[in-house]
Protein backbone atom coordinates (compact mmCIF):
# COMPACT_ATOMS: atom_id res chain seq x y z
CA MET A 1 170.03 74.63 106.00
CA ASP A 2 169.66 70.62 103.87
CA SER A 3 170.70 71.91 100.44
CA ARG A 4 168.68 69.13 99.09
CA VAL A 5 165.39 70.31 100.41
CA THR A 6 163.34 72.01 97.93
CA LEU A 7 159.96 74.70 99.14
CA PRO A 8 157.10 74.35 97.71
CA PRO A 9 156.05 77.41 95.78
CA GLU A 10 154.85 80.55 97.24
CA PRO A 11 151.32 81.34 97.04
CA LEU A 12 150.63 84.10 93.87
CA LYS A 13 148.57 86.38 94.43
CA PRO A 14 145.22 87.28 94.09
CA GLU A 15 144.39 90.44 91.59
CA GLU A 16 142.58 93.51 93.57
CA SER A 17 139.35 93.33 91.31
CA GLN A 18 139.01 89.24 91.65
CA CYS A 19 137.11 90.38 94.96
CA CYS A 20 133.55 90.80 94.18
CA GLY A 21 133.08 93.74 96.57
CA GLN A 22 130.35 91.87 98.45
CA GLY A 23 131.18 91.35 102.37
CA CYS A 24 131.96 87.48 101.82
CA GLN A 25 132.60 85.43 104.13
CA PHE A 26 136.08 83.56 103.49
CA CYS A 27 136.74 86.23 100.74
CA ILE A 28 139.76 85.38 98.06
CA LEU A 29 142.25 87.66 99.66
CA ASP A 30 141.33 85.85 103.47
CA ILE A 31 141.60 82.56 101.48
CA TYR A 32 145.09 84.03 100.20
CA GLN A 33 146.51 85.42 103.21
CA GLN A 34 145.54 81.22 104.70
CA GLU A 35 147.50 80.38 102.61
CA LEU A 36 150.71 82.43 102.94
CA LEU A 37 150.26 81.45 107.07
CA ILE A 38 150.14 77.42 105.56
CA TRP A 39 153.18 77.96 102.95
CA GLN A 40 155.70 80.09 105.77
CA LYS A 41 154.77 76.78 108.28
CA LYS A 42 155.91 74.66 105.82
CA CYS A 43 158.69 76.31 104.49
CA GLU A 44 160.19 77.01 107.96
CA GLU A 45 159.36 73.22 109.17
CA LEU A 46 161.50 72.40 105.45
CA LYS A 47 164.41 74.81 106.68
CA ASN A 48 164.92 72.95 110.52
CA CYS A 49 164.14 68.87 108.12
CA GLN A 50 161.17 68.75 110.19
CA PHE A 51 159.59 65.99 107.35
CA GLU A 52 156.78 64.67 109.98
CA GLN A 53 153.87 64.06 107.85
CA ASN A 54 150.17 64.58 108.19
CA ASN A 55 147.97 62.77 105.69
CA LYS A 56 144.63 63.88 107.05
CA MET A 57 142.90 66.40 105.90
CA SER A 58 142.08 69.22 108.25
CA PRO A 59 141.67 73.67 107.53
CA GLU A 60 144.95 73.40 107.83
CA ASN A 61 146.51 70.45 106.13
CA TYR A 62 146.11 69.53 102.61
CA VAL A 63 145.64 66.21 101.27
CA SER A 64 145.57 64.90 97.33
CA CYS A 65 141.87 63.44 96.27
CA VAL A 66 141.66 61.42 92.78
CA ILE A 67 138.59 62.26 91.14
CA GLU A 68 136.09 59.09 90.22
CA ARG A 69 134.31 61.39 87.25
CA VAL A 70 132.88 64.07 86.37
CA GLU A 71 129.45 65.12 85.71
CA LYS A 72 127.86 68.14 83.77
CA VAL A 73 125.09 69.61 85.28
CA CYS A 74 124.13 72.13 82.57
CA SER A 75 126.42 74.90 80.61
CA ALA A 76 129.88 75.36 81.95
CA VAL A 77 128.71 73.69 85.16
CA PHE A 78 130.18 70.58 85.69
CA LEU A 79 130.02 67.76 89.47
CA PHE A 80 133.28 66.43 90.31
CA HIS A 81 133.14 63.72 92.24
CA PHE A 82 136.36 62.92 95.24
CA LYS A 83 137.13 60.44 97.25
CA LEU A 84 140.12 60.66 99.63
CA PRO A 85 142.98 58.75 100.85
CA GLU A 86 143.14 55.46 102.12
CA ASN A 87 141.64 55.39 106.24
CA ASN A 88 141.16 59.51 105.23
CA CYS A 89 138.41 61.06 106.30
CA ILE A 90 136.47 64.24 106.65
CA LYS A 91 133.30 65.29 108.78
CA TYR A 92 131.53 68.65 107.56
CA THR A 93 127.77 69.65 108.03
CA ALA A 94 125.49 72.09 105.62
CA GLY A 95 127.48 75.04 104.32
CA GLN A 96 130.64 74.84 104.96
CA HIS A 97 133.66 74.55 102.10
CA VAL A 98 136.86 73.34 100.88
CA ILE A 99 140.17 74.91 99.48
CA ALA A 100 141.36 72.97 95.75
CA ARG A 101 145.09 74.35 95.45
CA GLU A 102 146.95 74.53 92.26
CA PHE A 103 150.15 74.78 90.51
CA THR A 104 150.89 77.69 87.92
CA GLY A 105 154.69 77.99 87.36
CA ASP A 106 156.52 78.84 90.29
CA SER A 107 152.81 79.95 91.90
CA THR A 108 149.91 77.96 93.60
CA ILE A 109 146.44 79.18 92.55
CA CYS A 110 143.62 78.58 95.82
CA ARG A 111 140.19 78.54 95.07
CA PRO A 112 136.88 77.76 97.99
CA TYR A 113 134.38 75.68 96.63
CA THR A 114 131.17 74.90 98.67
CA LEU A 115 130.74 71.09 99.93
CA ILE A 116 127.46 69.46 97.46
CA SER A 117 126.91 66.40 98.85
CA LEU A 118 125.11 65.16 101.70
CA PRO A 119 126.93 66.29 105.56
CA GLY A 120 128.99 63.54 108.19
CA LEU A 121 131.62 61.80 107.78
CA VAL A 122 132.45 61.41 104.54
CA THR A 123 134.59 58.96 102.47
CA THR A 124 134.08 61.10 99.53
CA PHE A 125 133.13 64.38 98.60
CA SER A 126 131.53 66.21 95.52
CA ILE A 127 132.14 70.37 94.15
CA LEU A 128 129.67 71.78 91.57
CA ILE A 129 131.82 74.66 90.17
CA LYS A 130 131.29 76.55 86.93
CA LEU A 131 133.88 77.56 84.79
CA TYR A 132 134.87 81.13 83.31
CA ASP A 133 136.23 81.37 79.58
CA ASP A 134 138.62 84.37 81.43
CA GLY A 135 138.93 82.56 85.09
CA MET A 136 142.85 81.28 85.62
CA MET A 137 140.81 78.24 87.84
CA SER A 138 138.84 76.90 85.00
CA ASN A 139 141.29 76.85 82.74
CA ILE A 140 143.35 75.26 84.72
CA ILE A 141 140.40 73.03 85.90
CA ARG A 142 139.41 72.13 82.39
CA LYS A 143 143.00 70.88 80.97
CA LYS A 144 143.35 68.84 84.67
CA TRP A 145 140.36 68.08 85.85
CA LEU A 146 139.83 64.35 84.65
CA ALA A 147 138.89 61.09 85.80
CA GLY A 148 142.06 59.44 87.59
CA TYR A 149 143.48 63.59 88.29
CA ALA A 150 144.07 64.07 91.79
CA VAL A 151 143.71 67.47 93.60
CA ASP A 152 144.79 69.21 96.53
CA TRP A 153 142.07 69.82 98.85
CA ARG A 154 142.25 71.43 103.05
CA GLY A 155 138.52 71.99 104.81
CA PRO A 156 136.42 72.21 105.91
CA ILE A 157 135.75 75.49 106.79
CA GLY A 158 132.81 77.09 107.86
CA GLU A 159 130.87 78.12 111.15
CA TYR A 160 127.75 78.08 109.93
CA ASN A 161 125.52 76.11 112.02
CA TYR A 162 122.06 75.46 111.71
CA GLN A 163 120.42 74.02 114.84
CA PRO A 164 116.86 71.92 113.47
CA ASN A 165 113.38 72.95 114.45
CA SER A 166 115.00 76.98 115.28
CA TYR A 167 113.22 78.43 112.89
CA ARG A 168 109.35 78.05 111.92
CA ASN A 169 109.96 79.15 108.71
CA VAL A 170 113.15 79.36 106.38
CA LEU A 171 113.61 81.70 103.04
CA LEU A 172 116.43 80.47 101.05
CA ILE A 173 117.26 82.82 98.17
CA ALA A 174 120.17 81.72 95.21
CA ALA A 175 121.04 82.12 92.27
CA GLY A 176 123.27 80.46 89.77
CA THR A 177 126.10 77.85 91.91
CA GLY A 178 124.72 79.93 94.59
CA ILE A 179 122.48 77.25 94.64
CA THR A 180 125.44 74.80 96.33
CA PRO A 181 124.81 75.34 99.86
CA VAL A 182 121.64 75.76 99.73
CA TYR A 183 120.42 72.50 98.78
CA GLN A 184 122.93 71.41 101.35
CA ILE A 185 120.56 73.07 103.91
CA ALA A 186 117.31 72.41 102.66
CA ARG A 187 118.10 68.72 102.66
CA MET A 188 119.85 68.46 106.02
CA ILE A 189 115.60 70.23 107.28
CA ILE A 190 114.21 68.04 105.02
CA ASP A 191 116.08 64.71 105.79
CA ASN A 192 115.86 65.42 110.01
CA PRO A 193 112.41 63.33 110.69
CA GLU A 194 111.93 65.94 113.81
CA ASP A 195 112.95 68.74 112.03
CA GLU A 196 109.22 70.87 111.69
CA THR A 197 111.21 74.04 109.98
CA ARG A 198 109.01 74.98 106.34
CA VAL A 199 111.57 75.53 104.11
CA VAL A 200 110.43 78.34 100.82
CA LEU A 201 113.60 78.45 98.05
CA LEU A 202 113.56 81.52 95.58
CA TYR A 203 116.05 81.02 92.50
CA SER A 204 116.63 82.62 89.68
CA CYS A 205 118.85 81.88 87.03
CA ARG A 206 119.73 83.01 83.09
CA THR A 207 117.02 81.07 81.07
CA TYR A 208 115.67 77.03 82.56
CA ALA A 209 118.15 75.71 81.08
CA ASP A 210 120.34 76.90 83.71
CA ILE A 211 118.39 75.97 86.54
CA ILE A 212 120.85 73.21 88.35
CA PHE A 213 119.60 70.22 90.07
CA ARG A 214 116.34 70.79 89.00
CA ASP A 215 115.06 67.70 88.83
CA LYS A 216 116.07 67.50 92.68
CA PHE A 217 113.93 69.90 93.97
CA HIS A 218 111.17 69.05 92.20
CA GLN A 219 111.73 66.37 94.20
CA LEU A 220 111.78 67.59 97.17
CA GLN A 221 108.40 69.42 96.87
CA ASP A 222 106.33 65.32 97.65
CA TYR A 223 107.97 66.36 101.12
CA TRP A 224 105.13 68.75 103.33
CA ASN A 225 107.37 72.07 105.04
CA PHE A 226 109.00 72.64 101.56
CA LYS A 227 108.03 75.17 98.93
CA GLU A 228 109.86 76.13 95.51
CA PRO A 229 107.68 79.11 94.72
CA ARG A 230 107.81 79.12 90.86
CA LYS A 231 105.33 81.40 89.69
CA PRO A 232 105.84 84.57 90.05
CA ARG A 233 103.62 87.51 90.54
CA PRO A 234 101.01 89.08 88.88
CA THR A 235 100.70 86.46 86.93
CA PRO A 236 99.42 83.67 89.57
CA ASN A 237 99.53 80.59 87.20
CA VAL A 238 103.09 81.36 85.22
CA ASP A 239 106.15 78.91 85.18
CA ARG A 240 107.89 80.26 81.93
CA ILE A 241 107.26 83.66 80.76
CA LEU A 242 108.57 83.74 76.82
CA PHE A 243 109.29 87.56 75.17
CA PHE A 244 109.60 87.64 71.53
CA GLY A 245 111.64 90.26 70.01
CA ALA A 246 112.77 91.18 66.09
CA ASN A 247 115.97 88.75 66.30
CA GLY A 248 113.02 86.10 67.08
CA VAL A 249 112.51 83.85 70.27
CA VAL A 250 114.46 85.90 72.56
CA ASP A 251 114.54 84.88 76.77
CA TYR A 252 113.06 87.06 79.48
CA HIS A 253 115.90 90.49 79.74
CA GLY A 254 114.70 90.58 75.65
CA VAL A 255 118.17 91.33 73.31
CA LYS A 256 119.39 94.86 73.54
CA GLY A 257 117.57 97.42 70.97
CA VAL A 258 114.72 94.81 70.48
CA PRO A 259 111.37 95.84 71.09
CA TRP A 260 109.64 93.81 73.01
CA TRP A 261 106.67 92.85 70.79
CA GLY A 262 105.05 89.78 73.34
CA THR A 263 105.00 86.96 76.24
CA SER A 264 103.77 83.33 76.44
CA VAL A 265 102.71 82.41 79.14
CA PHE A 266 102.92 78.51 79.95
CA PRO A 267 101.94 76.93 83.40
CA ASN A 268 101.62 74.27 82.31
CA TYR A 269 105.62 73.76 80.76
CA PRO A 270 107.24 71.92 78.38
CA SER A 271 103.38 70.80 77.93
CA HIS A 272 101.05 73.77 75.88
CA GLU A 273 98.26 73.04 77.21
CA GLY A 274 96.59 75.85 79.09
CA CYS A 275 99.55 78.88 77.28
CA THR A 276 97.88 82.40 76.98
CA ILE A 277 100.01 84.81 74.34
CA ASN A 278 99.36 88.25 74.59
CA LEU A 279 101.20 90.85 71.77
CA SER A 280 101.86 93.90 71.58
CA TYR A 281 101.05 96.13 69.37
CA ASP A 282 103.51 95.73 66.66
CA LEU A 283 102.88 91.97 66.22
CA LYS A 284 99.27 92.30 66.06
CA CYS A 285 99.92 94.11 62.88
CA VAL A 286 102.35 91.84 62.00
CA ILE A 287 100.29 88.98 61.80
CA ARG A 288 96.79 90.92 60.58
CA ASN A 289 99.12 91.05 57.55
CA GLU A 290 99.56 87.77 57.29
CA LYS A 291 95.42 86.28 56.53
CA GLY A 292 95.10 83.64 58.72
CA PHE A 293 98.42 83.88 60.19
CA GLU A 294 96.61 84.46 63.89
CA GLU A 295 94.24 81.68 63.87
CA LYS A 296 97.41 78.61 63.17
CA ILE A 297 98.99 80.30 66.29
CA LEU A 298 96.32 80.27 68.21
CA GLN A 299 95.36 76.95 66.79
CA GLY A 300 97.70 74.59 64.84
CA PHE A 301 100.67 74.19 67.44
CA ASN A 302 101.09 70.81 68.99
CA SER A 303 105.09 71.98 71.27
CA VAL A 304 106.11 75.04 72.70
CA GLU A 305 108.86 74.95 70.09
CA GLU A 306 106.54 74.32 66.91
CA LEU A 307 105.22 76.84 68.38
CA ILE A 308 108.21 79.30 69.09
CA ASP A 309 109.61 78.63 65.67
CA LYS A 310 106.15 79.89 63.16
CA LEU A 311 106.61 83.65 65.32
CA GLY A 312 110.46 83.47 65.84
CA ASN A 313 109.99 82.84 61.65
CA LEU A 314 107.22 84.97 61.36
CA ILE A 315 108.94 88.34 63.04
CA LYS A 316 111.86 87.42 60.93
CA ASP A 317 110.82 87.43 57.53
CA HIS A 318 108.46 90.47 58.87
CA HIS A 319 111.10 92.35 59.90
CA LYS A 320 113.51 91.60 57.19
CA ARG A 321 110.53 92.67 54.29
CA ASN A 322 110.24 96.54 57.00
CA LEU A 323 106.15 95.77 57.22
CA LEU A 324 106.44 96.29 59.99
CA CYS A 325 103.60 99.53 61.87
CA SER A 326 104.25 102.82 59.98
CA ASN A 327 104.51 105.62 62.55
CA THR A 328 101.02 106.66 60.63
CA GLU A 329 98.57 104.25 62.05
CA LYS A 330 99.62 104.79 65.78
CA PRO A 331 97.69 107.54 67.61
CA SER A 332 100.03 110.52 67.32
CA VAL A 333 99.68 114.14 69.13
CA ALA A 334 99.00 117.26 66.38
CA THR A 335 101.44 119.19 67.96
CA ASN A 336 100.40 123.37 66.63
CA TYR A 337 104.25 123.95 67.42
CA SER A 338 103.78 127.83 66.17
CA LYS A 339 100.88 128.40 69.26
CA VAL A 340 103.28 127.04 71.55
CA LEU A 341 106.46 129.29 70.32
CA ALA A 342 104.03 132.43 69.97
CA GLU A 343 102.68 130.95 73.81
CA ILE A 344 107.05 130.88 75.09
CA ASP A 345 107.65 134.10 73.52
CA ALA A 346 104.67 135.75 75.70
CA ILE A 347 106.29 134.13 79.12
CA GLY A 348 109.38 134.29 77.83
CA TRP A 349 111.95 131.70 76.69
CA GLU A 350 114.47 132.35 79.99
CA LYS A 351 111.79 130.67 81.69
CA LEU A 352 111.30 127.48 79.52
CA SER A 353 113.43 125.16 81.81
CA SER A 354 113.05 122.13 78.77
CA VAL A 355 110.94 120.57 76.58
CA ASN A 356 110.92 117.23 74.15
CA HIS A 357 111.58 116.55 70.24
CA ASP A 358 107.64 117.33 69.60
CA PHE A 359 107.04 119.84 72.23
CA THR A 360 104.65 118.42 73.81
CA GLU A 361 105.93 118.14 77.00
CA LEU A 362 106.76 121.72 78.51
CA LYS A 363 108.52 122.62 81.98
CA LEU A 364 108.36 126.23 83.09
CA LYS A 365 110.15 127.34 86.48
CA MET A 366 110.09 130.56 88.28
CA TYR A 367 111.67 131.84 91.30
CA ASP A 368 109.09 132.65 94.59
CA SER A 369 110.44 135.24 97.42
CA LEU A 370 112.17 132.94 99.12
CA ASN A 371 114.39 132.24 95.91
CA HIS A 372 113.02 128.48 95.57
CA GLN A 373 112.76 126.99 91.80
CA HIS A 374 109.24 125.32 90.79
CA ILE A 375 108.87 123.80 87.63
CA LEU A 376 105.10 123.85 85.97
CA ASN A 377 105.19 120.95 83.87
CA VAL A 378 102.97 121.65 81.23
CA LYS A 379 101.86 118.64 78.66
CA PHE A 380 100.15 118.65 75.44
CA ASN A 381 96.85 116.23 74.45
CA ASN A 382 95.38 117.52 71.20
CA ASN A 383 96.74 121.20 72.12
CA VAL A 384 94.93 120.83 75.00
CA PRO A 385 97.49 121.03 78.33
CA GLU A 386 98.09 119.03 81.41
CA PHE A 387 99.04 121.04 84.40
CA PHE A 388 100.98 119.17 87.33
CA THR A 389 103.16 121.05 90.06
CA GLU A 390 104.80 119.77 93.36
CA TYR A 391 101.83 121.69 95.21
CA PRO A 392 100.87 120.75 98.42
CA ARG A 393 96.93 122.11 96.75
CA ASN A 394 96.47 120.93 93.57
CA VAL A 395 96.61 124.12 91.51
CA ASN A 396 92.61 125.17 90.13
CA ILE A 397 93.57 125.36 86.21
CA GLU A 398 90.85 125.46 84.20
CA TRP A 399 91.61 126.18 80.25
CA GLN A 400 88.82 127.13 78.54
CA GLU A 401 90.03 126.18 74.28
CA ASP A 402 89.31 129.00 72.32
CA THR A 403 90.32 131.73 75.76
CA SER A 404 92.73 130.31 77.54
CA THR A 405 96.85 130.98 76.91
CA LEU A 406 99.58 129.16 78.45
CA SER A 407 101.16 132.96 79.99
CA GLU A 408 97.11 133.42 81.73
CA MET A 409 97.79 129.63 83.40
CA TYR A 410 101.88 130.32 84.49
CA SER A 411 101.20 133.54 85.69
CA LEU A 412 98.41 131.97 87.99
CA PHE A 413 100.91 128.46 88.65
CA CYS A 414 103.53 132.35 90.37
CA GLN A 415 100.52 133.45 92.07
CA GLU A 416 100.35 129.82 93.91
CA ALA A 417 104.26 129.56 94.86
CA GLU A 418 104.06 133.02 97.07
CA HIS A 419 100.24 131.45 98.81
CA TYR A 420 102.44 128.45 100.29
CA GLN A 421 105.87 130.66 101.30
CA ASP A 422 104.65 130.28 104.76
CA PHE A 423 104.18 126.53 104.77
CA TRP A 424 107.29 125.19 102.84
CA LYS A 425 109.07 128.11 105.76
CA ALA A 426 106.98 125.78 108.38
CA MET A 427 108.04 122.83 107.37
CA GLU A 428 112.49 123.64 106.20
CA GLU A 429 112.14 124.91 110.08
CA LEU A 430 110.88 121.42 110.83
CA ASP A 431 113.21 119.18 108.65
CA ALA A 432 116.53 121.14 109.98
CA GLY A 433 115.10 121.56 113.65
CA CYS A 434 114.94 117.18 113.86
CA TRP A 435 115.58 113.72 113.11
CA VAL A 436 113.26 113.15 109.67
CA LEU A 437 111.67 109.77 109.54
CA GLU A 438 110.60 109.69 106.21
CA PRO A 439 109.66 110.60 104.07
CA GLU A 440 112.83 109.44 103.31
CA ASN A 441 113.39 112.33 100.11
CA PRO A 442 110.65 115.32 101.11
CA SER A 443 109.53 117.28 97.96
CA ARG A 444 107.32 120.07 98.43
CA ARG A 445 103.83 118.79 97.43
CA ASP A 446 104.73 116.46 100.68
CA THR A 447 102.45 117.56 103.86
CA TYR A 448 103.39 115.34 106.74
CA ARG A 449 106.57 114.72 108.31
CA LYS A 450 107.73 111.96 110.34
CA ILE A 451 110.01 113.01 112.61
CA SER A 452 112.20 111.19 115.87
CA ILE A 453 110.76 111.69 119.70
CA ALA A 454 113.02 108.74 121.37
CA PRO A 455 114.08 104.52 120.90
CA ASN A 456 111.56 102.78 119.32
CA VAL A 457 109.29 105.99 119.89
CA SER A 458 107.87 108.59 116.69
CA LEU A 459 105.25 111.26 115.59
CA LYS A 460 103.69 111.72 112.76
CA ILE A 461 102.37 115.12 111.96
CA GLU A 462 99.89 116.59 109.00
CA VAL A 463 100.14 120.53 108.68
CA ASP A 464 97.46 122.53 107.04
CA PRO A 465 99.18 124.14 104.19
CA ASN A 466 96.71 127.23 104.61
CA HIS A 467 98.23 127.39 108.41
CA PRO A 468 101.17 126.04 108.88
CA TYR A 469 101.79 127.08 112.29
CA VAL A 470 98.76 125.97 114.09
CA PHE A 471 99.09 122.89 116.14
CA PRO A 472 99.34 120.49 113.25
CA SER A 473 97.20 116.98 113.33
CA ILE A 474 99.46 114.45 115.53
CA THR A 475 99.81 110.29 115.09
CA TRP A 476 102.09 108.78 117.35
CA LEU A 477 103.96 105.67 116.60
CA GLY A 478 105.63 102.79 118.79
CA SER A 479 104.30 100.63 121.61
CA GLU A 480 101.00 102.01 124.44
CA THR A 481 104.14 102.34 126.91
CA ALA A 482 106.27 103.85 124.97
CA VAL A 483 104.10 106.43 124.04
CA SER A 484 101.69 106.99 126.92
CA LYS A 485 104.34 109.04 128.52
CA PHE A 486 104.63 111.27 125.39
CA ARG A 487 101.22 111.55 124.75
CA GLU A 488 99.81 112.72 128.31
CA LYS A 489 102.45 115.69 128.05
CA ILE A 490 100.69 117.19 124.81
CA LEU A 491 96.90 116.58 126.28
CA ASP A 492 98.31 118.46 129.44
CA ARG A 493 100.06 121.19 128.29
CA ILE A 494 98.34 122.27 124.96
CA GLU A 495 98.30 125.85 126.16
CA VAL A 496 101.97 126.04 125.66
CA TRP A 497 101.63 126.13 121.92
CA ASP A 498 103.00 129.03 120.64
CA ASN A 499 101.54 129.48 116.45
CA ASP A 500 104.92 131.95 116.25
CA LEU A 501 107.08 129.88 116.44
CA PRO A 502 108.45 127.38 114.49
CA ILE A 503 106.42 123.68 114.88
CA ASN A 504 110.03 121.94 116.22
CA THR A 505 109.95 124.51 118.51
CA ASN A 506 106.48 123.88 119.98
CA LEU A 507 106.87 120.65 120.24
CA GLU A 508 109.71 120.52 122.88
CA ARG A 509 108.45 123.19 124.35
CA LEU A 510 105.32 120.18 125.01
CA LEU A 511 107.06 117.49 125.39
CA GLU A 512 110.13 118.70 127.45
CA ILE A 513 112.81 116.77 125.56
CA SER A 514 114.70 118.53 122.80
CA LEU A 515 114.60 116.73 119.83
CA PRO A 516 117.00 114.32 118.25
CA LEU A 517 119.39 115.54 115.86
CA LYS A 518 120.55 112.55 113.60
CA GLN A 519 123.85 114.18 112.81
CA THR A 520 124.27 113.93 116.14
CA LEU A 521 123.66 111.23 117.91
CA ASP A 522 127.60 110.09 116.72
CA MET A 523 127.11 107.44 119.45
CA GLY A 524 123.78 104.83 120.71
CA THR A 525 122.45 106.22 116.84
CA GLU A 526 121.78 102.34 116.46
CA ASN A 527 118.67 103.10 119.71
CA TYR A 528 117.11 105.43 117.75
CA GLU A 529 117.22 103.48 113.73
CA VAL A 530 114.37 101.03 114.29
CA THR A 531 114.10 97.42 112.51
CA CYS A 532 112.02 95.77 111.80
CA CYS A 533 111.55 92.80 112.92
CA ILE A 534 110.11 90.66 109.31
CA CYS A 535 111.95 91.73 106.60
CA TYR A 536 115.26 93.11 108.90
CA SER A 537 115.74 96.40 106.97
CA GLU A 538 115.28 100.14 108.08
CA ARG A 539 113.05 100.94 105.15
CA LEU A 540 110.43 99.49 101.68
CA ASN A 541 109.23 101.21 99.94
CA GLY A 542 110.80 104.55 101.63
CA GLU A 543 108.43 104.13 104.36
CA VAL A 544 109.93 103.00 108.36
CA PRO A 545 108.37 100.64 110.99
CA SER A 546 105.74 102.49 111.62
CA ARG A 547 103.25 99.43 113.87
CA THR A 548 104.72 98.71 117.43
CA CYS A 549 103.68 95.82 119.51
CA ASP A 550 102.04 96.51 122.78
CA ASN A 551 103.93 94.05 125.21
CA PRO A 552 106.17 96.32 126.92
CA ASN A 553 108.73 93.34 127.09
CA CYS A 554 108.96 93.20 123.79
CA GLY A 555 108.55 96.77 121.97
CA GLN A 556 109.90 95.27 118.21
CA SER A 557 108.33 97.47 115.04
CA PHE A 558 107.26 96.67 111.72
CA HIS A 559 106.56 97.92 108.88
CA ILE A 560 102.77 97.44 108.64
CA PHE A 561 103.27 95.64 105.46
CA CYS A 562 105.11 93.43 106.55
CA LEU A 563 103.43 92.80 109.73
CA TYR A 564 99.41 92.69 108.04
CA GLU A 565 101.24 90.05 105.16
CA TRP A 566 102.49 87.91 107.96
CA LEU A 567 99.43 87.88 110.04
CA ARG A 568 97.11 87.30 106.97
CA SER A 569 99.32 83.77 105.91
CA LEU A 570 99.14 82.28 109.65
CA ILE A 571 96.14 80.92 108.89
CA GLN A 572 95.10 78.93 112.04
CA THR A 573 96.15 82.00 114.12
CA THR A 574 94.99 84.94 112.79
CA ARG A 575 90.92 86.51 112.93
CA LYS A 576 89.48 89.60 110.87
CA GLN A 577 87.43 92.34 111.41
CA GLY A 578 86.76 93.97 108.96
CA ASN A 579 90.12 95.10 106.79
CA LYS A 580 92.04 94.74 109.95
CA VAL A 581 93.41 91.37 110.94
CA PHE A 582 94.24 90.00 114.40
CA GLY A 583 96.65 87.94 115.24
CA GLU A 584 100.59 86.65 117.35
CA CYS A 585 103.09 88.49 117.46
CA PRO A 586 106.00 87.64 115.11
CA TYR A 587 108.18 87.95 118.16
CA CYS A 588 106.77 87.60 121.09
CA GLU A 589 104.02 85.32 120.29
CA GLN A 590 101.74 88.28 122.07
CA PRO A 591 98.58 89.82 120.85
CA ILE A 592 98.82 91.88 118.42
CA SER A 593 96.61 93.82 115.53
CA CYS A 594 96.91 95.98 112.13
CA ASN A 595 95.27 97.70 109.28
CA PRO A 596 95.82 96.78 105.55
CA PRO A 597 98.10 99.41 104.20
CA ALA A 598 97.72 102.34 102.16
CA SER A 599 96.48 101.56 98.77
């Protein structure tokens, strides 16, 4: 080995805690392994006296690029513009990134950054970077990355390959500096006159001032196929919401420990035209203490900033002087403690599960003959209790103010529990004997189960709590082609049903199959797990997809809510009959219909 050869420093291995744990395609730990292989290869070349220089930037080879200029985009976010060496260029596509290398002591640090400049064959490129206070690379960038400084880069890297007109609609979701690849993809679609894909951007950040490329995205709204839904539900004309707290005006996430006092909505922000002000009870009390101040707020300001200053100063002054409404001004529930304590004594303190600080809410427990625990929730409203249970039917508890006692109501609650023993036993047998899709976490109140029968076929069973073992009300879920054979078997063999057998056993006898159990389907489970082809999730608000395309060559499943909203959005191809909507399947474009989702 030539003693004059100096080996490059070894890449610095990142800490496990530096990985975000989100399953990134190019994890910082994976990049370290790449860097280690490149370093080992370079060292081997130097040891063997192979000094051939490769000056072309590539995914494996670093080149030094000079910073032409630096722009501050917003707080701690900077845009760096680089120029490649002479006679050097790179070609990249939207969504690709490059890797920067910096030296610290005897080690190197590498970090990936997404290219923000427009894709193509280029000799310059731009990188958007957010600097963090405790970031190793961030600290180096703050000190060194000024105009004229050279940085080592390799790339581009990434396998994302968008094809024009591959989709009818594209939803782009980003937060913070994650807007970088999203902006590239949006611009690539918008700038291609042959691409008719509609683009919808959903973007979030901490504050309004932190919006990156705000002006650029506003310019994209001039295009017919770009939409930036800046107006969140349920107030469709909202562009910005300001929240007020005891420390003055705060942003949407509020101040920890400070009560929420109101909202001000500015649909034409930064203009205050058409704004609405909604004040909480506490803030209204504060304003009432200042005579004439309410009129000044609503009529006497010329800008949003002026309104914020007025309200902020008012809140701060009153917070300091402690002029908030006293608790006596607010309605309160009077509790007769001695009466409540006497009632608990009569029932037995061992039956008390929990109680709140002012004895206005109680939870009483009992165990039935099958050793199941049941909770009776009692809430006092001006000494008149309201009762809540998890029974499948409402308990008819009539409270007579002068004569009724809590002990009597508790006894009635216990009697009702014994009435539903057969029902709960039947439901437990059903849960144990089949694969329950819904409800995800059954309660003792639930009278239905949605169970898996076969791939892409499920059955909704509604059980009568008073007669749990008789033939239940059933609804088949799946394509007509898939469920027709099961429906025919039920109709042909209904006389086989035996009221002395569990529900799942009767279903197996009727259908002449063994019901699938999730815990036994180690292989092939994916054939039973149904995913909605619109939202790509198995569950939406705890519900599995329950509407299936009747086209035998399609058979895709959808959540009722997703399909209903999809069909409603296709104004040109959708028709309505009553509440029912008719349109095309999102997957095969064959006719499909859907009732509105249950409220």
